[in-house]
């Protein structure tokens, strides 16, 4: 995925902590951090989540809540994220064996 570079910097945070934008010749390219790492906006590299201190770009909100319960269908995990003012909820059911 590409888009025009928003300014003079070479690197920009993406909307999620696992990705970042790198600018080259006026075009921004979206890259993934290696598995388990987050974009560190101070060091401009991928880093461990607890060290990266990732925060969403200005004007965006992020955060989430996870909970798990054992229902009649099996283990249920509920994940809620807040992205651009929208609440997105996923329920994942793992059947009982």
C-alpha atoms as a PDB file:
ATOM      1  CA  UNK A   1       0.000   0.000   0.000  1.00  0.00           C
ATOM      2  CA  UNK A   2       1.293   3.477  -0.807  1.00  0.00           C
ATOM      3  CA  UNK A   3       0.224   7.100  -0.326  1.00  0.00           C
ATOM      4  CA  UNK A   4       1.857  10.525  -0.699  1.00  0.00           C
ATOM      5  CA  UNK A   5       4.314  11.399   2.087  1.00  0.00           C
ATOM      6  CA  UNK A   6       2.624  13.714   4.587  1.00  0.00           C
ATOM      7  CA  UNK A   7       5.749  15.794   5.268  1.00  0.00           C
ATOM      8  CA  UNK A   8       9.522  15.948   5.322  1.00  0.00           C
ATOM      9  CA  UNK A   9      10.153  13.038   7.703  1.00  0.00           C
ATOM     10  CA  UNK A  10      11.279   9.651   6.394  1.00  0.00           C
ATOM     11  CA  UNK A  11       9.269   7.525   8.870  1.00  0.00           C
ATOM     12  CA  UNK A  12       5.712   7.869  10.222  1.00  0.00           C
ATOM     13  CA  UNK A  13       3.630   5.693  12.560  1.00  0.00           C
ATOM     14  CA  UNK A  14       0.719   3.786  11.021  1.00  0.00           C
ATOM     15  CA  UNK A  15      -2.761   3.430  12.542  1.00  0.00           C
ATOM     16  CA  UNK A  16      -1.750   0.179  14.267  1.00  0.00           C
ATOM     17  CA  UNK A  17       1.388  -0.466  16.332  1.00  0.00           C
ATOM     18  CA  UNK A  18       2.661  -3.363  14.209  1.00  0.00           C
ATOM     19  CA  UNK A  19       3.118  -1.213  11.071  1.00  0.00           C
ATOM     20  CA  UNK A  20       4.922   1.952   9.967  1.00  0.00           C
ATOM     21  CA  UNK A  21       5.243   4.174   6.884  1.00  0.00           C
ATOM     22  CA  UNK A  22       8.580   4.807   5.156  1.00  0.00           C
ATOM     23  CA  UNK A  23       8.869   7.650   2.634  1.00  0.00           C
ATOM     24  CA  UNK A  24      10.960   7.441  -0.513  1.00  0.00           C
ATOM     25  CA  UNK A  25      10.908  10.020  -3.331  1.00  0.00           C
ATOM     26  CA  UNK A  26       7.651  11.558  -2.067  1.00  0.00           C
ATOM     27  CA  UNK A  27       5.777   8.235  -1.749  1.00  0.00           C
ATOM     28  CA  UNK A  28       5.029   6.539   1.592  1.00  0.00           C
ATOM     29  CA  UNK A  29       5.175   2.730   1.696  1.00  0.00           C
ATOM     30  CA  UNK A  30       3.507   0.686   4.454  1.00  0.00           C
ATOM     31  CA  UNK A  31       5.740  -1.888   6.185  1.00  0.00           C
ATOM     32  CA  UNK A  32       5.139  -4.521   8.876  1.00  0.00           C
ATOM     33  CA  UNK A  33       7.305  -4.824  11.952  1.00  0.00           C
ATOM     34  CA  UNK A  34       8.569  -8.364  12.615  1.00  0.00           C
ATOM     35  CA  UNK A  35       6.150 -10.557  14.575  1.00  0.00           C
ATOM     36  CA  UNK A  36       5.597  -9.382  18.136  1.00  0.00           C
ATOM     37  CA  UNK A  37       7.228  -5.961  17.687  1.00  0.00           C
ATOM     38  CA  UNK A  38       5.719  -2.448  17.607  1.00  0.00           C
ATOM     39  CA  UNK A  39       6.857   0.735  15.874  1.00  0.00           C
ATOM     40  CA  UNK A  40       8.928   2.930  18.209  1.00  0.00           C
ATOM     41  CA  UNK A  41       8.338   6.581  17.255  1.00  0.00           C
ATOM     42  CA  UNK A  42      11.354   7.819  19.236  1.00  0.00           C
ATOM     43  CA  UNK A  43      13.952   5.340  17.957  1.00  0.00           C
ATOM     44  CA  UNK A  44      12.306   5.057  14.491  1.00  0.00           C
ATOM     45  CA  UNK A  45      12.583   1.287  14.485  1.00  0.00           C
ATOM     46  CA  UNK A  46      10.543  -1.757  15.491  1.00  0.00           C
ATOM     47  CA  UNK A  47      10.920  -2.563  19.178  1.00  0.00           C
ATOM     48  CA  UNK A  48       9.417  -4.698  21.945  1.00  0.00           C
ATOM     49  CA  UNK A  49       5.894  -3.436  22.797  1.00  0.00           C
ATOM     50  CA  UNK A  50       6.780  -2.526  26.386  1.00  0.00           C
ATOM     51  CA  UNK A  51       9.742  -0.441  25.159  1.00  0.00           C
ATOM     52  CA  UNK A  52       8.081   1.076  22.080  1.00  0.00           C
ATOM     53  CA  UNK A  53       5.423   3.009  24.016  1.00  0.00           C
ATOM     54  CA  UNK A  54       3.357   3.186  20.816  1.00  0.00           C
ATOM     55  CA  UNK A  55       0.653   5.825  20.634  1.00  0.00           C
ATOM     56  CA  UNK A  56      -1.737   6.353  17.721  1.00  0.00           C
ATOM     57  CA  UNK A  57      -1.076   9.229  15.303  1.00  0.00           C
ATOM     58  CA  UNK A  58      -2.627  12.598  16.226  1.00  0.00           C
ATOM     59  CA  UNK A  59      -6.407  12.625  15.835  1.00  0.00           C
ATOM     60  CA  UNK A  60      -6.676   8.851  16.175  1.00  0.00           C
ATOM     61  CA  UNK A  61      -7.562   6.814  19.209  1.00  0.00           C
ATOM     62  CA  UNK A  62      -6.664   3.287  19.964  1.00  0.00           C
ATOM     63  CA  UNK A  63      -6.737   1.020  22.903  1.00  0.00           C
ATOM     64  CA  UNK A  64      -8.624  -1.997  23.740  1.00  0.00           C
ATOM     65  CA  UNK A  65     -10.021  -4.405  26.202  1.00  0.00           C
ATOM     66  CA  UNK A  66      -9.810  -8.161  26.185  1.00  0.00           C
ATOM     67  CA  UNK A  67     -11.838 -10.556  28.252  1.00  0.00           C
ATOM     68  CA  UNK A  68     -12.386 -14.285  28.242  1.00  0.00           C
ATOM     69  CA  UNK A  69     -15.147 -16.502  29.593  1.00  0.00           C
ATOM     70  CA  UNK A  70     -16.218 -20.118  29.441  1.00  0.00           C
ATOM     71  CA  UNK A  71     -19.704 -20.360  27.944  1.00  0.00           C
ATOM     72  CA  UNK A  72     -21.824 -23.329  26.879  1.00  0.00           C
ATOM     73  CA  UNK A  73     -20.168 -23.302  23.436  1.00  0.00           C
ATOM     74  CA  UNK A  74     -16.629 -23.170  24.789  1.00  0.00           C
ATOM     75  CA  UNK A  75     -14.047 -20.527  25.542  1.00  0.00           C
ATOM     76  CA  UNK A  76     -15.064 -17.092  24.284  1.00  0.00           C
ATOM     77  CA  UNK A  77     -12.647 -14.220  23.907  1.00  0.00           C
ATOM     78  CA  UNK A  78     -13.979 -10.714  23.384  1.00  0.00           C
ATOM     79  CA  UNK A  79     -11.697  -8.058  21.955  1.00  0.00           C
ATOM     80  CA  UNK A  80     -12.785  -4.419  21.739  1.00  0.00           C
ATOM     81  CA  UNK A  81     -10.780  -1.707  19.993  1.00  0.00           C
ATOM     82  CA  UNK A  82     -11.479   1.988  19.554  1.00  0.00           C
ATOM     83  CA  UNK A  83     -10.380   3.232  16.131  1.00  0.00           C
ATOM     84  CA  UNK A  84     -11.270   6.673  14.771  1.00  0.00           C
ATOM     85  CA  UNK A  85     -14.234   6.994  17.100  1.00  0.00           C
ATOM     86  CA  UNK A  86     -15.644   3.585  16.172  1.00  0.00           C
ATOM     87  CA  UNK A  87     -15.859   0.651  18.541  1.00  0.00           C
ATOM     88  CA  UNK A  88     -14.948  -2.636  16.908  1.00  0.00           C
ATOM     89  CA  UNK A  89     -15.709  -5.834  18.826  1.00  0.00           C
ATOM     90  CA  UNK A  90     -14.687  -9.370  17.886  1.00  0.00           C
ATOM     91  CA  UNK A  91     -15.941 -12.484  19.642  1.00  0.00           C
ATOM     92  CA  UNK A  92     -13.870 -15.590  19.085  1.00  0.00           C
ATOM     93  CA  UNK A  93     -15.297 -18.953  20.179  1.00  0.00           C
ATOM     94  CA  UNK A  94     -13.099 -21.999  20.717  1.00  0.00           C
ATOM     95  CA  UNK A  95     -15.313 -25.122  20.980  1.00  0.00           C
ATOM     96  CA  UNK A  96     -15.038 -27.407  24.000  1.00  0.00           C
ATOM     97  CA  UNK A  97     -13.272 -30.664  23.176  1.00  0.00           C
END
